[in-house]
């Protein structure tokens, strides 16, 4: 997820009046704290996605070196 996608997603959530509930607190994505939390969650999601991609490439490299990777 790039910054444009997360911004667009944030806009769509705001338009639908979505709120984030964490630990009993409700955060509105239109206020500063809510925007911060939504952005932090988007960054964590992007980080996780990058880790999955990196691990997949590493696994494919190892499989290819062992002759177990077929296809491209």
N, C-alpha and C. Protein backbone atom coordinates (compact mmCIF):
# COMPACT_ATOMS: atom_id res chain seq x y z
N UNK A 1 0.85 -1.17 0.00
CA UNK A 1 0.00 0.00 0.00
C UNK A 1 0.90 1.23 0.00
N UNK A 2 0.76 2.06 -0.99
CA UNK A 2 1.56 3.28 -1.02
C UNK A 2 0.81 4.41 -0.33
N UNK A 3 1.46 5.56 -0.21
CA UNK A 3 0.84 6.67 0.52
C UNK A 3 -0.42 7.17 -0.17
N UNK A 4 -0.46 7.11 -1.51
CA UNK A 4 -1.66 7.54 -2.23
C UNK A 4 -2.83 6.63 -1.90
N UNK A 5 -2.58 5.32 -1.89
CA UNK A 5 -3.64 4.37 -1.59
C UNK A 5 -4.14 4.54 -0.17
N UNK A 6 -3.22 4.71 0.79
CA UNK A 6 -3.66 4.89 2.17
C UNK A 6 -4.41 6.21 2.34
N UNK A 7 -3.99 7.25 1.63
CA UNK A 7 -4.71 8.54 1.70
C UNK A 7 -6.11 8.40 1.13
N UNK A 8 -6.21 7.70 0.01
CA UNK A 8 -7.52 7.50 -0.62
C UNK A 8 -8.41 6.66 0.29
N UNK A 9 -7.84 5.63 0.90
CA UNK A 9 -8.59 4.79 1.82
C UNK A 9 -9.05 5.61 3.02
N UNK A 10 -8.16 6.44 3.56
CA UNK A 10 -8.52 7.30 4.67
C UNK A 10 -9.65 8.24 4.31
N UNK A 11 -9.60 8.79 3.11
CA UNK A 11 -10.67 9.68 2.65
C UNK A 11 -11.99 8.93 2.56
N UNK A 12 -11.97 7.72 2.00
CA UNK A 12 -13.19 6.93 1.87
C UNK A 12 -13.77 6.57 3.24
N UNK A 13 -12.91 6.23 4.18
CA UNK A 13 -13.38 5.91 5.53
C UNK A 13 -13.99 7.14 6.20
N UNK A 14 -13.36 8.29 6.01
CA UNK A 14 -13.88 9.54 6.57
C UNK A 14 -15.24 9.86 5.97
N UNK A 15 -15.36 9.69 4.68
CA UNK A 15 -16.63 9.97 3.99
C UNK A 15 -17.76 9.09 4.51
N UNK A 16 -17.41 7.88 4.92
CA UNK A 16 -18.42 6.94 5.44
C UNK A 16 -18.60 7.07 6.96
N UNK A 17 -17.98 8.06 7.55
CA UNK A 17 -18.06 8.31 9.00
C UNK A 17 -17.58 7.12 9.83
N UNK A 18 -16.54 6.44 9.35
CA UNK A 18 -15.95 5.32 10.07
C UNK A 18 -15.12 5.86 11.22
N UNK A 19 -15.22 5.21 12.36
CA UNK A 19 -14.43 5.56 13.53
C UNK A 19 -13.60 4.36 13.93
N UNK A 20 -12.48 4.61 14.58
CA UNK A 20 -11.58 3.55 15.03
C UNK A 20 -11.70 3.41 16.54
N UNK A 21 -12.00 2.21 17.00
CA UNK A 21 -12.13 1.97 18.43
C UNK A 21 -10.92 1.16 18.90
N UNK A 22 -10.13 1.77 19.79
CA UNK A 22 -8.95 1.11 20.35
C UNK A 22 -8.98 1.26 21.86
N UNK A 23 -8.97 0.14 22.57
CA UNK A 23 -8.91 0.17 24.02
C UNK A 23 -10.01 0.99 24.67
N UNK A 24 -11.19 0.95 24.13
CA UNK A 24 -12.31 1.69 24.72
C UNK A 24 -12.41 3.12 24.24
N UNK A 25 -11.42 3.61 23.53
CA UNK A 25 -11.46 4.98 22.99
C UNK A 25 -11.90 4.92 21.53
N UNK A 26 -12.66 5.90 21.13
CA UNK A 26 -13.10 6.00 19.73
C UNK A 26 -12.37 7.16 19.09
N UNK A 27 -11.72 6.88 17.97
CA UNK A 27 -10.92 7.90 17.29
C UNK A 27 -11.54 8.24 15.93
N UNK A 28 -11.64 9.51 15.68
CA UNK A 28 -12.21 10.03 14.45
C UNK A 28 -11.05 10.35 13.49
N UNK A 29 -11.09 9.84 12.26
CA UNK A 29 -9.98 10.10 11.34
C UNK A 29 -9.89 11.55 10.87
N UNK A 30 -10.84 12.38 11.26
CA UNK A 30 -10.77 13.79 10.87
C UNK A 30 -10.03 14.65 11.89
N UNK A 31 -9.81 14.11 13.11
CA UNK A 31 -9.06 14.91 14.08
C UNK A 31 -7.59 14.48 14.08
N UNK A 32 -6.70 15.28 14.63
CA UNK A 32 -5.26 15.00 14.55
C UNK A 32 -4.85 13.64 15.12
N UNK A 33 -5.38 13.26 16.27
CA UNK A 33 -5.01 11.97 16.87
C UNK A 33 -5.53 10.82 16.01
N UNK A 34 -6.74 10.94 15.53
CA UNK A 34 -7.30 9.90 14.65
C UNK A 34 -6.50 9.74 13.38
N UNK A 35 -6.11 10.86 12.76
CA UNK A 35 -5.28 10.79 11.54
C UNK A 35 -3.96 10.11 11.83
N UNK A 36 -3.36 10.46 12.98
CA UNK A 36 -2.09 9.84 13.37
C UNK A 36 -2.25 8.33 13.48
N UNK A 37 -3.29 7.88 14.19
CA UNK A 37 -3.50 6.45 14.38
C UNK A 37 -3.76 5.73 13.06
N UNK A 38 -4.59 6.31 12.21
CA UNK A 38 -4.86 5.70 10.91
C UNK A 38 -3.57 5.61 10.08
N UNK A 39 -2.75 6.65 10.12
CA UNK A 39 -1.50 6.64 9.37
C UNK A 39 -0.51 5.62 9.92
N UNK A 40 -0.43 5.51 11.24
CA UNK A 40 0.46 4.52 11.85
C UNK A 40 0.01 3.11 11.47
N UNK A 41 -1.29 2.85 11.53
CA UNK A 41 -1.79 1.53 11.14
C UNK A 41 -1.51 1.24 9.67
N UNK A 42 -1.65 2.25 8.82
CA UNK A 42 -1.34 2.07 7.39
C UNK A 42 0.14 1.77 7.19
N UNK A 43 1.00 2.44 7.96
CA UNK A 43 2.45 2.18 7.85
C UNK A 43 2.79 0.78 8.32
N UNK A 44 2.16 0.31 9.39
CA UNK A 44 2.40 -1.05 9.88
C UNK A 44 1.94 -2.07 8.83
N UNK A 45 0.79 -1.82 8.23
CA UNK A 45 0.29 -2.72 7.19
C UNK A 45 1.25 -2.77 6.00
N UNK A 46 1.76 -1.61 5.60
CA UNK A 46 2.71 -1.56 4.49
C UNK A 46 4.01 -2.29 4.86
N UNK A 47 4.47 -2.12 6.09
CA UNK A 47 5.67 -2.80 6.58
C UNK A 47 5.48 -4.32 6.52
N UNK A 48 4.35 -4.80 7.00
CA UNK A 48 4.05 -6.24 6.97
C UNK A 48 4.03 -6.76 5.54
N UNK A 49 3.43 -6.01 4.66
CA UNK A 49 3.36 -6.40 3.25
C UNK A 49 4.77 -6.48 2.65
N UNK A 50 5.62 -5.51 2.98
CA UNK A 50 7.00 -5.53 2.50
C UNK A 50 7.77 -6.73 3.03
N UNK A 51 7.54 -7.07 4.30
CA UNK A 51 8.21 -8.24 4.89
C UNK A 51 7.79 -9.53 4.19
N UNK A 52 6.50 -9.67 3.91
CA UNK A 52 6.00 -10.86 3.21
C UNK A 52 6.65 -10.96 1.84
N UNK A 53 6.69 -9.82 1.11
CA UNK A 53 7.31 -9.81 -0.22
C UNK A 53 8.79 -10.21 -0.15
N UNK A 54 9.50 -9.64 0.84
CA UNK A 54 10.92 -9.93 0.99
C UNK A 54 11.14 -11.41 1.31
N UNK A 55 10.36 -11.96 2.22
CA UNK A 55 10.51 -13.37 2.59
C UNK A 55 10.17 -14.29 1.43
N UNK A 56 9.18 -13.91 0.65
CA UNK A 56 8.81 -14.71 -0.52
C UNK A 56 9.95 -14.74 -1.52
N UNK A 57 10.54 -13.57 -1.79
CA UNK A 57 11.68 -13.52 -2.73
C UNK A 57 12.86 -14.34 -2.21
N UNK A 58 13.14 -14.23 -0.91
CA UNK A 58 14.25 -15.00 -0.34
C UNK A 58 13.98 -16.50 -0.45
N UNK A 59 12.75 -16.91 -0.17
CA UNK A 59 12.38 -18.32 -0.28
C UNK A 59 12.49 -18.82 -1.71
N UNK A 60 12.08 -18.00 -2.66
CA UNK A 60 12.18 -18.38 -4.07
C UNK A 60 13.64 -18.50 -4.50
N UNK A 61 14.49 -17.61 -3.99
CA UNK A 61 15.91 -17.65 -4.32
C UNK A 61 16.54 -18.95 -3.79
N UNK A 62 16.19 -19.33 -2.56
CA UNK A 62 16.71 -20.56 -1.98
C UNK A 62 16.20 -21.77 -2.76
N UNK A 63 14.91 -21.77 -3.08
CA UNK A 63 14.33 -22.89 -3.83
C UNK A 63 14.97 -23.00 -5.21
N UNK A 64 15.23 -21.88 -5.84
CA UNK A 64 15.86 -21.89 -7.17
C UNK A 64 17.28 -22.44 -7.07
N UNK A 65 18.00 -22.05 -6.03
CA UNK A 65 19.37 -22.54 -5.84
C UNK A 65 19.39 -24.05 -5.62
N UNK A 66 18.33 -24.58 -4.99
CA UNK A 66 18.23 -26.02 -4.75
C UNK A 66 17.60 -26.77 -5.91
N UNK A 67 17.20 -26.03 -6.95
CA UNK A 67 16.60 -26.65 -8.12
C UNK A 67 15.15 -27.06 -7.92
N UNK A 68 14.49 -26.48 -6.95
CA UNK A 68 13.11 -26.86 -6.64
C UNK A 68 12.09 -25.85 -7.16
N UNK A 69 12.54 -24.76 -7.71
CA UNK A 69 11.63 -23.73 -8.21
C UNK A 69 11.39 -23.97 -9.70
N UNK A 70 10.15 -24.08 -10.04
CA UNK A 70 9.80 -24.26 -11.46
C UNK A 70 9.05 -23.04 -11.94
N UNK A 71 9.05 -22.83 -13.19
CA UNK A 71 8.35 -21.67 -13.75
C UNK A 71 9.33 -20.57 -14.08
N UNK A 72 8.91 -19.37 -13.84
CA UNK A 72 9.73 -18.21 -14.22
C UNK A 72 11.03 -18.20 -13.50
